[in-house]
Amino acid sequence: MIKAPTQDMEVQHPPADGISEIQFSPQADFLAASSWDNNVRIYEIQSNGGSIAKAMYSHGAPALCCAWSKDGTKLASGGADKVGKLFDISTGQSTQVAQHDAPIREIRWVDGPNPILATGSWDKTIKYWDTRQPTPISTVTLPERLYTMDSVFPLLVAGTADRHVIVYNLNNPSTPFKTMTSPLKWQTRTISCFGDGTGYGIGSIEGRVAIQYVEDKDASKNFSFKCHREGGQTMRDKADVYAVNAINWHPIHGTFSTAGADGGFNFWDKDSRQKLKSFPKVGCPISSTCFNRNGSIFAYAISYDWSKGHGGVDQQSQNKIMLHPVIDEEAKPRKRT
């Protein structure tokens, strides 16, 4: 029997430049990573924490996002080349399946009766694609450039510049179900839908997260909290504030993680509104995170996150993907008293 690791393990042969997104397959322990080196990589994660580079394909410019199909047979990705690509695991071939007028910032599968690909772009649109057809099924105009997007059927939530948040019911995907201004005062960085599709978490550049339910009847459950900050314990002290770069939901327990530009990640329980565990900071920003399909592995990418713009790029910046073995005590919700 292979012994599971007890400490965080490093993925071998990581991307050579900034890591924009990492995503686990919903069917197996295959980890995808899109990168500013124009490539999308797939790793097989072994039960002992080891990793094997399995495949790689390229975009014509930095790859900004990636997403697995529900059956785990295909990986979609989008990039600064304004193109969406589809990689077939069985054939090892990638094909172009989407096109925008500006970089594709987010890509997500919409799992209805027929799987559809949704692409969100800085050209201020979301496009829905049947990957067998060269033209989009539908194009939705956004109020501003898309920064983040997530979907759990029938919910899709988009966050744009100027703090717009647009909620779609995918049974009627071309018409917004709800349009609002972010409850957070600063620029939106990330959005992640609850596993049951009833709401979402949203994080900003100001070290703050809001938990939002979609239906008005659940509005009393909405709340926001500060995280990824240092100092500021007294009125005179100014806190060092860091961007919240990633929010992910545990697939079994329904608890969630946050990770930020401070190089830290935490696990939280939204129902009891408390922190479950803080983990040691890694010294560089964490740009993207994800749980595997059963929540036993939490992957996090250590990489420059552009939170300080072009001037913040350090030639010595690390690019690593780490695997944290999750134990139940870290991620289980707290019992309510």
Protein backbone atom coordinates (compact mmCIF):
# COMPACT_ATOMS: atom_id res chain seq x y z
CA MET A 1 0.00 0.00 0.00
CA ILE A 2 1.37 3.42 -0.98
CA LYS A 3 1.50 5.79 1.96
CA ALA A 4 -0.25 9.12 1.48
CA PRO A 5 1.93 12.20 2.11
CA THR A 6 1.63 14.15 5.36
CA GLN A 7 3.38 17.29 4.15
CA ASP A 8 2.86 19.54 1.13
CA MET A 9 4.41 18.16 -2.04
CA GLU A 10 5.73 20.09 -5.04
CA VAL A 11 4.52 19.29 -8.55
CA GLN A 12 7.44 18.45 -10.81
CA HIS A 13 8.17 20.41 -14.02
CA PRO A 14 5.95 23.45 -13.23
CA PRO A 15 5.21 26.20 -15.77
CA ALA A 16 8.11 28.47 -16.67
CA ASP A 17 6.16 31.72 -16.18
CA GLY A 18 3.24 33.01 -14.12
CA ILE A 19 0.53 30.43 -13.33
CA SER A 20 -2.87 31.90 -14.19
CA GLU A 21 -5.19 29.03 -13.19
CA ILE A 22 -5.07 25.46 -11.90
CA GLN A 23 -8.01 23.02 -12.07
CA PHE A 24 -8.46 19.38 -11.03
CA SER A 25 -10.42 17.00 -13.26
CA PRO A 26 -13.79 16.03 -11.75
CA GLN A 27 -13.15 12.39 -12.67
CA ALA A 28 -9.51 11.64 -11.81
CA ASP A 29 -6.47 13.21 -10.16
CA PHE A 30 -5.35 15.05 -13.26
CA LEU A 31 -4.33 18.64 -12.61
CA ALA A 32 -4.36 21.27 -15.39
CA ALA A 33 -2.39 24.52 -15.25
CA SER A 34 -2.58 27.48 -17.63
CA SER A 35 0.41 29.81 -17.74
CA TRP A 36 1.81 33.09 -18.99
CA ASP A 37 4.40 31.03 -20.90
CA ASN A 38 1.54 30.40 -23.43
CA ASN A 39 1.20 26.74 -22.45
CA VAL A 40 -1.44 24.60 -20.75
CA ARG A 41 -0.08 21.57 -18.91
CA ILE A 42 -1.70 18.44 -17.49
CA TYR A 43 -0.18 16.48 -14.60
CA GLU A 44 -1.15 13.13 -13.17
CA ILE A 45 -1.09 13.26 -9.36
CA GLN A 46 -0.21 9.94 -7.75
CA SER A 47 -1.49 8.62 -4.42
CA ASN A 48 1.93 9.13 -2.81
CA GLY A 49 1.89 12.83 -3.75
CA GLY A 50 4.19 12.41 -6.72
CA SER A 51 3.39 14.00 -10.06
CA ILE A 52 3.95 13.10 -13.70
CA ALA A 53 3.75 15.59 -16.58
CA LYS A 54 1.28 13.98 -19.00
CA ALA A 55 0.51 16.52 -21.74
CA MET A 56 1.04 20.09 -22.89
CA TYR A 57 -0.40 22.30 -25.63
CA SER A 58 0.06 25.94 -26.57
CA HIS A 59 -1.77 29.20 -27.17
CA GLY A 60 -0.38 32.02 -29.31
CA ALA A 61 -0.08 34.27 -26.23
CA PRO A 62 -0.39 33.83 -22.43
CA ALA A 63 -2.97 31.20 -21.42
CA LEU A 64 -5.22 32.85 -18.83
CA CYS A 65 -7.76 30.17 -17.84
CA CYS A 66 -8.67 26.49 -18.04
CA ALA A 67 -11.65 24.26 -17.20
CA TRP A 68 -12.37 20.50 -17.37
CA SER A 69 -15.49 19.03 -18.91
CA LYS A 70 -17.73 17.22 -16.44
CA ASP A 71 -16.79 13.80 -17.82
CA GLY A 72 -13.09 14.63 -17.63
CA THR A 73 -12.42 13.79 -21.28
CA LYS A 74 -11.70 17.36 -22.44
CA LEU A 75 -9.90 20.45 -21.17
CA ALA A 76 -10.89 23.92 -22.38
CA SER A 77 -8.64 26.96 -22.14
CA GLY A 78 -8.60 30.61 -23.15
CA GLY A 79 -5.85 33.13 -23.63
CA ALA A 80 -4.54 36.54 -24.54
CA ASP A 81 -4.52 35.32 -28.16
CA LYS A 82 -8.34 35.84 -27.98
CA VAL A 83 -8.84 32.13 -28.71
CA GLY A 84 -10.57 29.32 -26.82
CA LYS A 85 -9.11 25.85 -27.29
CA LEU A 86 -10.31 22.33 -26.54
CA PHE A 87 -7.84 19.55 -25.73
CA ASP A 88 -9.03 15.96 -26.13
CA ILE A 89 -7.45 13.68 -23.52
CA SER A 90 -7.87 10.53 -25.61
CA THR A 91 -6.32 11.88 -28.82
CA GLY A 92 -3.87 14.42 -27.38
CA GLN A 93 -5.06 16.99 -29.93
CA SER A 94 -6.12 20.59 -29.32
CA THR A 95 -8.50 22.53 -31.58
CA GLN A 96 -9.81 26.07 -31.62
CA VAL A 97 -13.45 26.25 -30.50
CA ALA A 98 -13.96 29.93 -29.53
CA GLN A 99 -12.94 33.42 -30.63
CA HIS A 100 -13.26 36.91 -29.09
CA ASP A 101 -12.15 40.43 -30.01
CA ALA A 102 -9.96 40.69 -26.89
CA PRO A 103 -8.27 38.24 -24.48
CA ILE A 104 -10.43 35.47 -23.00
CA ARG A 105 -10.15 35.91 -19.24
CA GLU A 106 -12.42 33.06 -18.05
CA ILE A 107 -13.74 29.82 -19.47
CA ARG A 108 -16.34 27.52 -17.86
CA TRP A 109 -18.45 24.54 -18.86
CA VAL A 110 -22.21 24.97 -18.63
CA ASP A 111 -23.61 21.56 -17.75
CA GLY A 112 -27.16 21.54 -18.99
CA PRO A 113 -28.82 18.89 -21.19
CA ASN A 114 -25.95 19.43 -23.67
CA PRO A 115 -22.55 20.62 -22.42
CA ILE A 116 -21.91 24.18 -23.56
CA LEU A 117 -18.74 26.22 -23.19
CA ALA A 118 -18.99 29.76 -21.82
CA THR A 119 -16.14 32.21 -22.51
CA GLY A 120 -15.82 35.62 -20.87
CA SER A 121 -13.59 38.31 -22.33
CA TRP A 122 -12.13 41.77 -21.93
CA ASP A 123 -14.19 42.61 -25.05
CA LYS A 124 -17.16 42.98 -22.62
CA THR A 125 -19.00 39.86 -23.76
CA ILE A 126 -19.79 36.32 -22.66
CA LYS A 127 -20.21 33.87 -25.51
CA TYR A 128 -21.81 30.43 -25.32
CA TRP A 129 -20.45 27.75 -27.65
CA ASP A 130 -21.47 24.36 -28.90
CA THR A 131 -17.91 23.14 -29.46
CA ARG A 132 -18.98 21.36 -32.66
CA GLN A 133 -19.91 24.67 -34.30
CA PRO A 134 -17.63 27.56 -35.34
CA THR A 135 -20.01 30.35 -34.32
CA PRO A 136 -21.40 31.08 -30.82
CA ILE A 137 -24.90 29.97 -29.88
CA SER A 138 -25.41 33.25 -28.06
CA THR A 139 -23.48 36.41 -27.17
CA VAL A 140 -24.24 38.45 -24.05
CA THR A 141 -23.04 42.05 -23.73
CA LEU A 142 -21.55 43.01 -20.36
CA PRO A 143 -21.36 46.51 -18.84
CA GLU A 144 -17.54 46.30 -18.64
CA ARG A 145 -14.51 44.02 -19.18
CA LEU A 146 -14.91 40.61 -17.58
CA TYR A 147 -12.46 39.91 -14.71
CA THR A 148 -13.88 36.71 -13.24
CA MET A 149 -16.66 34.19 -13.85
CA ASP A 150 -17.88 30.92 -12.38
CA SER A 151 -20.75 28.53 -12.98
CA VAL A 152 -22.60 25.74 -11.16
CA PHE A 153 -25.70 24.85 -13.15
CA PRO A 154 -28.10 26.60 -13.36
CA LEU A 155 -26.08 29.53 -11.94
CA LEU A 156 -23.47 31.62 -13.76
CA VAL A 157 -22.00 34.71 -12.09
CA ALA A 158 -19.77 37.25 -13.84
CA GLY A 159 -17.70 40.00 -12.22
CA THR A 160 -16.49 42.90 -14.36
CA ALA A 161 -14.54 46.13 -14.08
CA ASP A 162 -16.26 48.91 -12.11
CA ARG A 163 -17.54 46.29 -9.60
CA HIS A 164 -20.50 45.09 -11.70
CA VAL A 165 -21.82 41.63 -10.78
CA ILE A 166 -24.21 39.94 -13.22
CA VAL A 167 -26.08 36.78 -12.26
CA TYR A 168 -27.53 34.48 -14.96
CA ASN A 169 -29.98 31.62 -14.74
CA LEU A 170 -28.65 29.28 -17.41
CA ASN A 171 -32.15 28.12 -18.29
CA ASN A 172 -32.37 31.62 -19.83
CA PRO A 173 -28.68 32.42 -20.37
CA SER A 174 -28.97 35.48 -22.61
CA THR A 175 -30.91 37.61 -20.08
CA PRO A 176 -29.44 38.63 -16.70
CA PHE A 177 -31.39 37.23 -13.73
CA LYS A 178 -29.94 39.92 -11.49
CA THR A 179 -27.50 42.82 -11.93
CA MET A 180 -25.89 44.49 -8.95
CA THR A 181 -22.87 46.36 -7.68
CA SER A 182 -20.42 44.27 -5.70
CA PRO A 183 -20.97 44.48 -1.93
CA LEU A 184 -17.21 45.01 -1.65
CA LYS A 185 -15.86 48.55 -2.10
CA TRP A 186 -12.86 47.70 -4.25
CA GLN A 187 -12.13 45.92 -7.52
CA THR A 188 -13.45 42.37 -7.89
CA ARG A 189 -10.76 39.72 -8.12
CA THR A 190 -12.52 36.37 -7.95
CA ILE A 191 -15.97 34.76 -7.83
CA SER A 192 -16.74 31.14 -6.92
CA CYS A 193 -20.22 29.56 -6.92
CA PHE A 194 -21.46 27.41 -4.02
CA GLY A 195 -21.53 23.71 -4.83
CA ASP A 196 -25.35 23.72 -4.71
CA GLY A 197 -25.68 26.74 -7.02
CA THR A 198 -27.61 28.88 -4.49
CA GLY A 199 -25.00 31.61 -4.19
CA TYR A 200 -21.35 32.57 -4.50
CA GLY A 201 -18.31 33.95 -2.76
CA ILE A 202 -16.68 37.09 -4.11
CA GLY A 203 -13.22 38.43 -3.26
CA SER A 204 -11.66 41.84 -3.86
CA ILE A 205 -8.20 43.41 -4.08
CA GLU A 206 -8.81 44.88 -0.61
CA GLY A 207 -8.51 41.67 1.41
CA ARG A 208 -12.21 41.16 1.83
CA VAL A 209 -14.68 38.39 0.91
CA ALA A 210 -18.48 38.52 0.66
CA ILE A 211 -20.82 35.53 0.80
CA GLN A 212 -23.88 36.23 -1.36
CA TYR A 213 -27.06 34.21 -1.87
CA VAL A 214 -28.90 34.62 -5.17
CA GLU A 215 -32.51 34.61 -3.96
CA ASP A 216 -33.78 37.68 -2.11
CA LYS A 217 -35.43 35.45 0.52
CA ASP A 218 -31.93 34.34 1.61
CA ALA A 219 -30.51 37.87 1.86
CA SER A 220 -30.27 37.66 5.65
CA LYS A 221 -27.52 35.03 5.20
CA ASN A 222 -25.30 37.44 3.23
CA PHE A 223 -22.19 38.70 5.01
CA SER A 224 -18.66 39.92 4.34
CA PHE A 225 -15.40 39.63 6.27
CA LYS A 226 -11.78 40.75 6.20
CA CYS A 227 -8.93 38.37 5.41
CA HIS A 228 -5.42 38.35 3.92
CA ARG A 229 -4.36 41.39 5.91
CA GLU A 230 -1.45 42.05 8.26
CA GLY A 231 -1.22 44.56 11.11
CA GLY A 232 -3.78 47.26 11.69
CA GLN A 233 -4.62 46.11 15.19
CA THR A 234 -5.12 49.67 16.47
CA MET A 235 -6.64 52.83 14.98
CA ARG A 236 -3.13 54.25 14.37
CA ASP A 237 -1.81 51.18 12.61
CA LYS A 238 -2.54 50.81 8.94
CA ALA A 239 -3.08 47.22 7.85
CA ASP A 240 -1.17 45.80 4.93
CA VAL A 241 -3.98 44.72 2.63
CA TYR A 242 -3.66 41.99 0.00
CA ALA A 243 -5.80 40.86 -2.92
CA VAL A 244 -7.96 37.75 -2.48
CA ASN A 245 -7.00 35.78 -5.59
CA ALA A 246 -8.94 32.54 -5.17
CA ILE A 247 -11.99 31.07 -3.43
CA ASN A 248 -12.80 27.36 -3.66
CA TRP A 249 -15.51 25.15 -2.15
CA HIS A 250 -14.75 21.78 -0.60
CA PRO A 251 -16.67 19.19 -2.68
CA ILE A 252 -17.72 17.10 0.34
CA HIS A 253 -17.97 19.40 3.35
CA GLY A 254 -19.17 22.62 1.66
CA THR A 255 -16.57 24.68 3.53
CA PHE A 256 -14.30 26.96 1.52
CA SER A 257 -10.77 28.21 1.05
CA THR A 258 -9.37 31.66 0.37
CA ALA A 259 -5.88 32.45 -0.90
CA GLY A 260 -4.21 35.75 -1.56
CA ALA A 261 -1.35 37.99 -2.59
CA ASP A 262 0.03 37.69 0.96
CA GLY A 263 1.06 34.11 0.19
CA GLY A 264 -1.40 32.64 2.66
CA PHE A 265 -4.41 30.35 2.43
CA ASN A 266 -7.16 29.65 4.96
CA PHE A 267 -10.13 27.30 5.31
CA TRP A 268 -13.49 28.73 6.43
CA ASP A 269 -17.00 27.62 7.41
CA LYS A 270 -19.61 29.95 5.90
CA ASP A 271 -22.53 28.63 7.95
CA SER A 272 -20.88 29.21 11.33
CA ARG A 273 -19.05 32.26 9.92
CA GLN A 274 -15.67 31.30 11.32
CA LYS A 275 -12.16 30.40 10.25
CA LEU A 276 -11.35 26.70 10.44
CA LYS A 277 -7.60 26.87 9.90
CA SER A 278 -4.80 29.20 8.77
CA PHE A 279 -1.75 27.81 7.04
CA PRO A 280 1.83 29.13 7.02
CA LYS A 281 2.51 31.80 4.41
CA VAL A 282 4.73 30.84 1.51
CA GLY A 283 6.48 34.18 0.91
CA CYS A 284 5.08 34.80 -2.59
CA PRO A 285 1.52 35.41 -3.83
CA ILE A 286 -0.81 32.45 -4.38
CA SER A 287 -2.41 33.03 -7.77
CA SER A 288 -4.83 30.09 -8.04
CA THR A 289 -6.11 27.15 -5.98
CA CYS A 290 -8.41 24.11 -6.30
CA PHE A 291 -9.59 20.98 -4.49
CA ASN A 292 -9.53 17.59 -6.16
CA ARG A 293 -12.76 15.69 -6.72
CA ASN A 294 -13.05 14.23 -3.20
CA GLY A 295 -11.43 17.12 -1.33
CA SER A 296 -8.42 15.09 -0.17
CA ILE A 297 -5.93 17.33 -2.02
CA PHE A 298 -5.78 21.12 -2.06
CA ALA A 299 -3.52 22.45 -4.83
CA TYR A 300 -2.13 25.99 -4.75
CA ALA A 301 -0.03 27.87 -7.29
CA ILE A 302 2.78 30.07 -5.96
CA SER A 303 3.28 32.70 -8.62
CA TYR A 304 3.25 36.44 -9.29
CA ASP A 305 -0.39 37.55 -9.48
CA TRP A 306 -0.04 40.98 -11.13
CA SER A 307 -1.54 42.66 -8.03
CA LYS A 308 1.27 45.25 -8.22
CA GLY A 309 1.13 45.65 -11.99
CA HIS A 310 3.99 45.28 -14.44
CA GLY A 311 6.38 47.04 -12.07
CA GLY A 312 5.93 44.29 -9.52
CA VAL A 313 7.35 41.57 -11.73
CA ASP A 314 10.45 40.13 -10.09
CA GLN A 315 12.76 38.14 -12.31
CA GLN A 316 13.37 35.86 -9.32
CA SER A 317 9.65 35.17 -8.82
CA GLN A 318 8.85 31.57 -8.07
CA ASN A 319 6.46 29.47 -10.13
CA LYS A 320 5.46 26.41 -8.15
CA ILE A 321 2.39 24.22 -7.76
CA MET A 322 2.05 22.68 -4.31
CA LEU A 323 -0.22 19.88 -3.12
CA HIS A 324 -1.58 19.98 0.42
CA PRO A 325 -3.05 16.72 1.80
CA VAL A 326 -6.34 17.74 3.43
CA ILE A 327 -7.34 16.05 6.67
CA ASP A 328 -10.97 16.09 7.77
CA GLU A 329 -10.29 18.17 10.87
CA GLU A 330 -9.09 21.04 8.68
CA ALA A 331 -12.10 21.18 6.39
CA LYS A 332 -15.09 19.80 8.30
CA PRO A 333 -17.69 22.38 9.31
CA ARG A 334 -17.88 23.25 12.99
CA LYS A 335 -20.80 21.94 14.99
CA ARG A 336 -23.24 24.67 15.85
CA THR A 337 -23.75 25.25 19.53
